[in-house]
Every structure is written in structure tokens, then in C-alpha cells.
Protein backbone atom coordinates (compact mmCIF):
# COMPACT_ATOMS: atom_id res chain seq x y z
CA MET A 1 -44.09 19.15 79.01
CA GLY A 2 -40.19 20.14 78.60
CA SER A 3 -37.40 18.73 80.28
CA ASN A 4 -37.46 21.23 83.20
CA GLY A 5 -40.96 20.24 84.32
CA TYR A 6 -42.66 23.64 83.23
CA GLY A 7 -43.87 22.86 79.62
CA SER A 8 -42.21 24.13 76.56
CA GLY A 9 -41.17 27.69 76.24
CA MET A 10 -41.40 28.18 79.98
CA ALA A 11 -38.43 28.95 81.89
CA ARG A 12 -37.92 27.99 85.66
CA PRO A 13 -38.87 30.98 87.52
CA GLN A 14 -35.48 32.45 89.53
CA PRO A 15 -35.65 31.43 93.16
CA ASP A 16 -34.32 34.84 94.26
CA SER A 17 -37.43 36.69 93.10
CA PHE A 18 -39.86 34.48 94.76
CA MET A 19 -41.09 34.10 98.40
CA PRO A 20 -42.80 31.19 100.13
CA ALA A 21 -46.65 31.47 100.34
CA ALA A 22 -46.81 31.66 103.84
CA GLU A 23 -44.44 34.87 103.91
CA ALA A 24 -46.63 36.14 101.21
CA ALA A 25 -49.74 35.32 103.35
CA GLY A 26 -48.36 37.36 106.13
CA ARG A 27 -47.47 40.37 104.09
CA LEU A 28 -50.74 40.49 102.48
CA GLY A 29 -52.71 39.83 105.70
CA ILE A 30 -54.54 36.72 104.22
CA SER A 31 -54.53 32.96 104.75
CA LEU A 32 -52.22 31.05 103.38
CA ASN A 33 -54.95 28.98 101.31
CA THR A 34 -56.16 32.36 100.06
CA VAL A 35 -52.66 32.78 98.56
CA LYS A 36 -52.85 29.42 97.15
CA ARG A 37 -55.97 30.04 95.57
CA ARG A 38 -55.03 33.20 94.09
CA VAL A 39 -51.83 31.68 92.47
CA GLN A 40 -54.01 28.69 90.96
CA ALA A 41 -56.45 31.48 89.66
CA ARG A 42 -53.46 33.58 88.49
CA ILE A 43 -54.38 36.70 90.56
CA LEU A 44 -50.86 36.43 92.15
CA ALA A 45 -47.87 35.36 90.02
CA GLY A 46 -46.47 32.00 91.35
CA TYR A 47 -46.20 28.45 90.79
CA ARG A 48 -46.28 25.09 92.71
CA ASP A 49 -42.65 23.56 93.08
CA PRO A 50 -43.01 20.31 91.37
CA VAL A 51 -40.51 18.56 93.57
CA ASN A 52 -41.99 19.59 97.15
CA SER A 53 -45.47 20.67 96.16
CA ARG A 54 -44.83 24.03 97.91
CA TYR A 55 -46.04 27.26 96.64
CA GLN A 56 -43.78 30.12 95.83
CA VAL A 57 -45.03 33.56 95.08
CA SER A 58 -43.42 36.25 93.11
CA GLU A 59 -42.06 39.36 95.24
CA LYS A 60 -43.21 41.61 92.64
CA ALA A 61 -46.83 40.35 92.66
CA VAL A 62 -46.96 40.78 96.52
CA GLU A 63 -45.57 44.43 96.07
CA ASP A 64 -48.11 45.16 93.30
CA ALA A 65 -50.77 43.78 95.29
CA LEU A 66 -49.92 45.92 98.25
CA GLU A 67 -49.85 49.10 96.24
CA LEU A 68 -53.00 48.27 94.36
CA ARG A 69 -54.70 47.95 97.90
CA ALA A 70 -53.16 51.09 99.34
CA ALA A 71 -54.51 52.82 95.90
CA LEU A 72 -57.88 51.58 96.56
CA ARG A 73 -57.80 52.94 99.95
CA ARG A 74 -56.83 56.50 98.76
CA SER A 75 -59.44 56.34 95.90
CA ALA A 76 -61.90 55.36 98.54
CA MET A 77 -61.45 58.60 100.42
CA LEU A 78 -62.39 60.56 97.46
CA PRO A 79 -65.90 62.46 97.52
CA GLY A 80 -68.61 60.22 96.08
CA ALA A 81 -66.86 56.97 96.49
CA THR A 82 -68.51 54.02 98.04
CA PRO A 83 -66.67 52.60 101.03
CA LEU A 84 -64.42 49.35 100.37
CA ARG A 85 -65.61 46.08 101.87
CA LYS A 86 -63.33 44.50 104.58
CA GLU A 87 -61.33 41.39 103.23
CA ARG A 88 -62.12 38.41 105.42
CA ILE A 89 -59.21 37.46 107.68
CA ALA A 90 -59.22 34.27 109.46
CA ARG A 91 -59.60 34.54 113.04
CA PRO A 92 -59.50 32.14 115.89
CA VAL A 93 -62.62 30.64 116.70
CA ALA A 94 -63.48 30.33 120.47
CA VAL A 95 -64.47 26.84 121.73
CA GLN A 96 -67.33 26.61 123.81
CA ARG A 97 -67.48 24.08 126.38
CA ARG A 98 -70.28 22.40 128.09
């Protein structure tokens, strides 16, 4: 690991091109944990800050994901296309009282 904490050959990401994972989750309409899992799986470009352990997500990766989602929706409207499945979005669970 290099002196910057990102391994040899890896430059520290520029902070102005990244956003907090919570903001990315809000823009993408998915949960914070889903964003973290996608960063860990390298589906979304981002990193976990070694100092405060918070996740940062590339603004470009979020924009690309939104563009891809829009393109998939457009392609689903073509004749013969199969309908898209809905992404699961965390919803509050009603508590039943006895």
C-alpha cells in the first residue's frame, strides 16, 4: 500500500468529483446500503474513505446510471420488448399493535 493509503499506482480521487453515498442514493432512488454494496461490487465507481469510513460515489457514475436507466426504459417501449422489473425500494413497514 502506498503512502496515500490507496495502494501503489492509485491516485487519491478528487473530492469535487465525488458525492456522499447518501446523496447518490437519493438521486438514484435506492437505499444507502444498496449504494454501498454497488460500490463494493464495483458496479458504481466510488471508494470508502480510510479516515472516516464514509462512502463517496463518483458524480459521473451516478449520471451514467441515471442515463442507463432512462435508455432501458426507452428500449422497453419498443415493440416486442419485455417489460422491465421494478427495482425494490425500501418502504416503511407499518407496525401492527396488539
